[in-house]
């Protein structure tokens, strides 16, 4: 839990490099369109090309390579076990045998396709949307017609994640002051469960106080949007260029599939 509530969560994003002058709405639309197009690909060659496009976007954004790869590795950690099991669970022609369990070529291909798809999409989202200030991203989503409650959830989460981090650190400090040391036993599991429960209780109490304070200031369920986003010809050109790339990937995939 500590890495989810670390100081990095509140750190400002990089400037976005070549994309910093692109309208946030265009960047969000481009990220969503690229993700949808990548999911529609089925051949490994087309997926490799999609990942190459994502890497090119990364180079244009001038994001620091080491932290970006670290975040990508964290994402891959969630799917690595599934990818490792796919070759042994998908029926097909055996490629090799491990401890008596055959691994199929079809399973290996599916695992590679999932890995390429996930990395291409996540990398593009990090480049196009992850380099936006959270408040700017929230305003862009609101301008695009995203439900207000989802936008409010994003904005309030960004605003109070540091508060939750402070609560977490205080609770962990009090546990250490009482001699708690994490181990692989039932007491540790119960203690961590109580920690999560106390964080939820304190977060609920704080949210009720915040809502009361906002209502005292005239909050009616809507947040005024103060950012004036201006759509320029460069934004249209950016979207058109990326749409052409996505179309080329789909045509490549279609030609290879047949």
Protein backbone atom coordinates (compact mmCIF):
# COMPACT_ATOMS: atom_id res chain seq x y z
CA UNK A 1 0.00 0.00 0.00
CA UNK A 2 2.88 2.33 0.67
CA UNK A 3 3.85 2.66 -3.00
CA UNK A 4 0.27 3.65 -3.89
CA UNK A 5 0.34 6.51 -1.39
CA UNK A 6 3.91 7.62 -2.00
CA UNK A 7 5.08 11.14 -2.63
CA UNK A 8 5.36 10.32 -6.34
CA UNK A 9 1.57 10.26 -6.55
CA UNK A 10 1.46 13.98 -5.80
CA UNK A 11 4.43 14.96 -7.97
CA UNK A 12 3.70 17.16 -10.99
CA UNK A 13 3.91 15.40 -14.36
CA UNK A 14 6.58 16.25 -16.94
CA UNK A 15 5.82 18.97 -19.47
CA UNK A 16 4.97 16.52 -22.28
CA UNK A 17 7.71 17.60 -24.68
CA UNK A 18 6.38 18.02 -28.21
CA UNK A 19 2.80 17.53 -26.98
CA UNK A 20 2.71 20.28 -24.38
CA UNK A 21 1.06 22.73 -26.81
CA UNK A 22 -1.55 20.23 -27.98
CA UNK A 23 -5.04 20.78 -26.57
CA UNK A 24 -5.68 18.37 -23.67
CA UNK A 25 -8.92 17.26 -25.30
CA UNK A 26 -7.02 16.25 -28.44
CA UNK A 27 -4.52 14.29 -26.35
CA UNK A 28 -7.28 12.44 -24.52
CA UNK A 29 -9.10 11.65 -27.76
CA UNK A 30 -5.83 10.50 -29.35
CA UNK A 31 -5.04 8.21 -26.41
CA UNK A 32 -8.52 6.66 -26.44
CA UNK A 33 -8.47 6.24 -30.23
CA UNK A 34 -5.04 4.63 -30.21
CA UNK A 35 -6.11 2.25 -27.42
CA UNK A 36 -9.24 1.24 -29.33
CA UNK A 37 -7.27 0.71 -32.52
CA UNK A 38 -4.58 -1.34 -30.78
CA UNK A 39 -7.13 -3.61 -29.12
CA UNK A 40 -8.60 -4.32 -32.57
CA UNK A 41 -5.25 -5.64 -33.86
CA UNK A 42 -4.73 -9.39 -33.93
CA UNK A 43 -1.40 -10.10 -35.69
CA UNK A 44 1.92 -9.91 -33.89
CA UNK A 45 3.55 -7.82 -36.62
CA UNK A 46 0.85 -5.15 -36.38
CA UNK A 47 1.11 -5.15 -32.58
CA UNK A 48 4.88 -4.72 -32.79
CA UNK A 49 4.29 -1.77 -35.11
CA UNK A 50 1.80 -0.30 -32.62
CA UNK A 51 4.37 -0.63 -29.84
CA UNK A 52 6.92 1.08 -32.10
CA UNK A 53 4.48 3.98 -32.55
CA UNK A 54 4.09 4.20 -28.77
CA UNK A 55 7.87 4.29 -28.35
CA UNK A 56 8.08 7.06 -30.96
CA UNK A 57 5.50 9.05 -28.99
CA UNK A 58 7.58 8.46 -25.86
CA UNK A 59 10.67 9.84 -27.59
CA UNK A 60 8.73 12.91 -28.76
CA UNK A 61 7.40 13.55 -25.25
CA UNK A 62 10.92 13.57 -23.74
CA UNK A 63 9.76 11.66 -20.69
CA UNK A 64 12.61 10.36 -18.49
CA UNK A 65 13.30 6.84 -19.69
CA UNK A 66 14.23 5.14 -16.40
CA UNK A 67 11.14 6.21 -14.36
CA UNK A 68 8.90 5.45 -17.33
CA UNK A 69 10.30 1.94 -17.70
CA UNK A 70 9.93 1.42 -13.96
CA UNK A 71 6.25 2.30 -14.13
CA UNK A 72 5.85 0.01 -17.12
CA UNK A 73 7.49 -2.81 -15.18
CA UNK A 74 5.03 -2.27 -12.33
CA UNK A 75 2.16 -2.65 -14.78
CA UNK A 76 3.71 -5.76 -16.32
CA UNK A 77 3.97 -7.27 -12.86
CA UNK A 78 0.18 -7.56 -12.73
CA UNK A 79 -0.05 -9.65 -15.91
CA UNK A 80 3.21 -11.60 -15.92
CA UNK A 81 1.70 -14.60 -14.11
CA UNK A 82 -1.23 -14.76 -16.51
CA UNK A 83 1.13 -14.55 -19.47
CA UNK A 84 3.30 -17.30 -18.01
CA UNK A 85 0.30 -19.62 -17.62
CA UNK A 86 -1.26 -19.03 -21.04
CA UNK A 87 1.10 -21.33 -23.00
CA UNK A 88 0.21 -24.20 -20.64
CA UNK A 89 -3.56 -23.64 -20.67
CA UNK A 90 -4.26 -22.91 -24.35
CA UNK A 91 -4.55 -26.10 -26.44
CA UNK A 92 -2.48 -26.41 -29.58
CA UNK A 93 0.79 -27.67 -31.02
CA UNK A 94 3.36 -28.21 -28.28
CA UNK A 95 6.38 -25.90 -28.45
CA UNK A 96 8.22 -27.33 -25.43
CA UNK A 97 7.54 -29.24 -22.23
CA UNK A 98 8.24 -27.99 -18.71
CA UNK A 99 8.06 -30.48 -15.83
CA UNK A 100 5.75 -32.65 -17.89
CA UNK A 101 3.39 -29.81 -18.90
CA UNK A 102 3.33 -28.99 -22.64
CA UNK A 103 3.36 -25.35 -23.72
CA UNK A 104 1.58 -24.63 -27.01
CA UNK A 105 2.62 -22.27 -29.78
CA UNK A 106 -0.90 -20.84 -29.76
CA UNK A 107 -0.59 -19.99 -26.07
CA UNK A 108 2.78 -18.34 -26.63
CA UNK A 109 1.31 -16.24 -29.43
CA UNK A 110 -1.61 -15.16 -27.27
CA UNK A 111 0.71 -14.25 -24.41
CA UNK A 112 2.92 -12.20 -26.74
CA UNK A 113 -0.14 -10.46 -28.23
CA UNK A 114 -1.49 -9.52 -24.80
CA UNK A 115 1.90 -8.25 -23.65
CA UNK A 116 2.39 -6.13 -26.78
CA UNK A 117 -1.16 -4.74 -26.60
CA UNK A 118 -0.95 -3.85 -22.92
CA UNK A 119 2.46 -2.19 -23.19
CA UNK A 120 1.55 -0.19 -26.30
CA UNK A 121 -1.66 1.12 -24.74
CA UNK A 122 -0.21 1.90 -21.32
CA UNK A 123 2.82 3.62 -22.80
CA UNK A 124 0.62 5.80 -25.02
CA UNK A 125 -1.65 6.70 -22.11
CA UNK A 126 1.38 7.65 -20.03
CA UNK A 127 2.73 9.86 -22.82
CA UNK A 128 -0.47 11.60 -23.93
CA UNK A 129 -2.61 11.67 -20.78
CA UNK A 130 -0.10 11.01 -18.00
CA UNK A 131 1.84 14.19 -18.76
CA UNK A 132 -1.24 16.37 -18.15
CA UNK A 133 -1.80 18.08 -14.83
CA UNK A 134 -4.60 16.16 -13.07
CA UNK A 135 -6.80 19.25 -12.86
CA UNK A 136 -6.28 19.93 -16.59
CA UNK A 137 -7.10 16.30 -17.37
CA UNK A 138 -10.30 16.59 -15.33
CA UNK A 139 -11.33 19.75 -17.15
CA UNK A 140 -10.58 18.16 -20.53
CA UNK A 141 -12.74 15.14 -19.65
CA UNK A 142 -15.54 17.46 -18.56
CA UNK A 143 -15.33 19.40 -21.83
CA UNK A 144 -15.56 16.11 -23.72
CA UNK A 145 -18.83 15.26 -21.99
CA UNK A 146 -17.61 12.82 -19.35
CA UNK A 147 -20.21 12.40 -16.55
CA UNK A 148 -19.69 15.07 -13.91
CA UNK A 149 -19.50 12.59 -11.04
CA UNK A 150 -16.57 10.80 -12.62
CA UNK A 151 -14.79 14.12 -13.16
CA UNK A 152 -15.46 15.12 -9.55
CA UNK A 153 -14.12 11.76 -8.37
CA UNK A 154 -10.89 12.30 -10.31
CA UNK A 155 -10.40 15.88 -9.10
CA UNK A 156 -11.12 15.11 -5.46
CA UNK A 157 -8.92 12.01 -5.54
CA UNK A 158 -6.00 14.05 -6.84
CA UNK A 159 -6.65 16.78 -4.30
CA UNK A 160 -6.82 14.51 -1.26
CA UNK A 161 -4.43 11.66 -2.10
CA UNK A 162 -1.73 13.50 -0.15
CA UNK A 163 -4.09 13.73 2.83
CA UNK A 164 -4.65 9.97 2.69
CA UNK A 165 -0.90 9.47 2.49
CA UNK A 166 -0.48 11.54 5.65
CA UNK A 167 -3.13 9.47 7.45
CA UNK A 168 -1.42 6.27 6.32
CA UNK A 169 1.97 7.42 7.57
CA UNK A 170 0.56 8.47 10.96
CA UNK A 171 -1.16 5.12 11.42
CA UNK A 172 1.97 3.19 10.43
CA UNK A 173 4.04 5.31 12.81
CA UNK A 174 1.67 4.56 15.68
CA UNK A 175 1.85 0.84 14.85
CA UNK A 176 5.65 0.91 14.91
CA UNK A 177 5.58 2.82 18.19
CA UNK A 178 3.59 -0.08 19.65
CA UNK A 179 6.20 -2.58 18.48
CA UNK A 180 4.51 -3.84 15.30
CA UNK A 181 6.83 -5.56 12.85
CA UNK A 182 5.33 -7.08 9.68
CA UNK A 183 5.73 -10.85 9.42
CA UNK A 184 4.11 -13.68 7.52
CA UNK A 185 1.63 -14.62 10.23
CA UNK A 186 -2.02 -14.17 11.14
CA UNK A 187 -1.33 -11.24 13.47
CA UNK A 188 0.27 -9.24 10.64
CA UNK A 189 -2.67 -9.90 8.31
CA UNK A 190 -5.14 -8.83 11.00
CA UNK A 191 -3.12 -5.71 11.83
CA UNK A 192 -2.92 -4.65 8.18
CA UNK A 193 -6.65 -5.28 7.84
CA UNK A 194 -7.30 -2.98 10.81
CA UNK A 195 -5.01 -0.40 9.20
CA UNK A 196 -7.03 -0.44 5.98
CA UNK A 197 -10.27 -0.27 7.96
CA UNK A 198 -9.10 2.74 9.97
CA UNK A 199 -8.03 4.51 6.79
CA UNK A 200 -11.47 3.94 5.29
CA UNK A 201 -13.19 5.23 8.44
CA UNK A 202 -11.02 8.34 8.59
CA UNK A 203 -11.44 8.97 4.88
CA UNK A 204 -15.23 8.75 5.24
CA UNK A 205 -15.24 11.12 8.20
CA UNK A 206 -13.04 13.61 6.38
CA UNK A 207 -15.18 13.43 3.23
CA UNK A 208 -18.28 14.26 5.28
CA UNK A 209 -16.54 17.28 6.80
CA UNK A 210 -15.36 18.44 3.37
CA UNK A 211 -18.85 18.07 1.89
CA UNK A 212 -20.34 20.07 4.76
CA UNK A 213 -17.77 22.83 4.26
CA UNK A 214 -18.44 22.92 0.52
CA UNK A 215 -22.18 23.16 1.04
CA UNK A 216 -21.64 26.07 3.41
CA UNK A 217 -19.84 27.78 0.52
CA UNK A 218 -22.71 27.22 -1.91
CA UNK A 219 -21.72 23.94 -3.55
CA UNK A 220 -24.68 22.55 -5.53
CA UNK A 221 -23.08 19.50 -7.11
CA UNK A 222 -21.33 21.26 -9.99
CA UNK A 223 -17.79 22.58 -10.20
CA UNK A 224 -17.19 25.59 -12.46
CA UNK A 225 -14.60 25.00 -15.19
CA UNK A 226 -12.08 27.82 -15.12
CA UNK A 227 -9.74 26.53 -17.85
CA UNK A 228 -10.47 28.04 -21.25
CA UNK A 229 -9.34 25.42 -23.72
CA UNK A 230 -8.87 26.67 -27.27
CA UNK A 231 -8.89 24.24 -30.18
CA UNK A 232 -6.33 25.16 -32.84
CA UNK A 233 -5.52 23.85 -36.33
CA UNK A 234 -2.44 22.11 -34.89
CA UNK A 235 -4.73 20.02 -32.67
CA UNK A 236 -6.78 18.93 -35.68
CA UNK A 237 -3.59 18.09 -37.57
CA UNK A 238 -2.30 16.05 -34.62
CA UNK A 239 -5.52 14.03 -34.40
CA UNK A 240 -5.61 13.54 -38.17
CA UNK A 241 -2.02 12.33 -38.21
CA UNK A 242 -2.58 9.83 -35.42
CA UNK A 243 -5.83 8.69 -37.04
CA UNK A 244 -3.86 8.01 -40.23
CA UNK A 245 -1.33 5.97 -38.26
CA UNK A 246 -4.11 3.95 -36.59
CA UNK A 247 -5.75 3.35 -39.97
CA UNK A 248 -2.43 2.16 -41.40
CA UNK A 249 -2.02 -0.26 -38.50
CA UNK A 250 -5.52 -1.65 -39.04
CA UNK A 251 -4.88 -2.08 -42.77
CA UNK A 252 -1.56 -3.80 -42.04
CA UNK A 253 -3.27 -6.13 -39.60
CA UNK A 254 -6.03 -6.89 -42.10
CA UNK A 255 -3.56 -7.68 -44.87
CA UNK A 256 -1.48 -9.95 -42.64
CA UNK A 257 -4.54 -11.75 -41.29
CA UNK A 258 -5.53 -12.77 -44.81
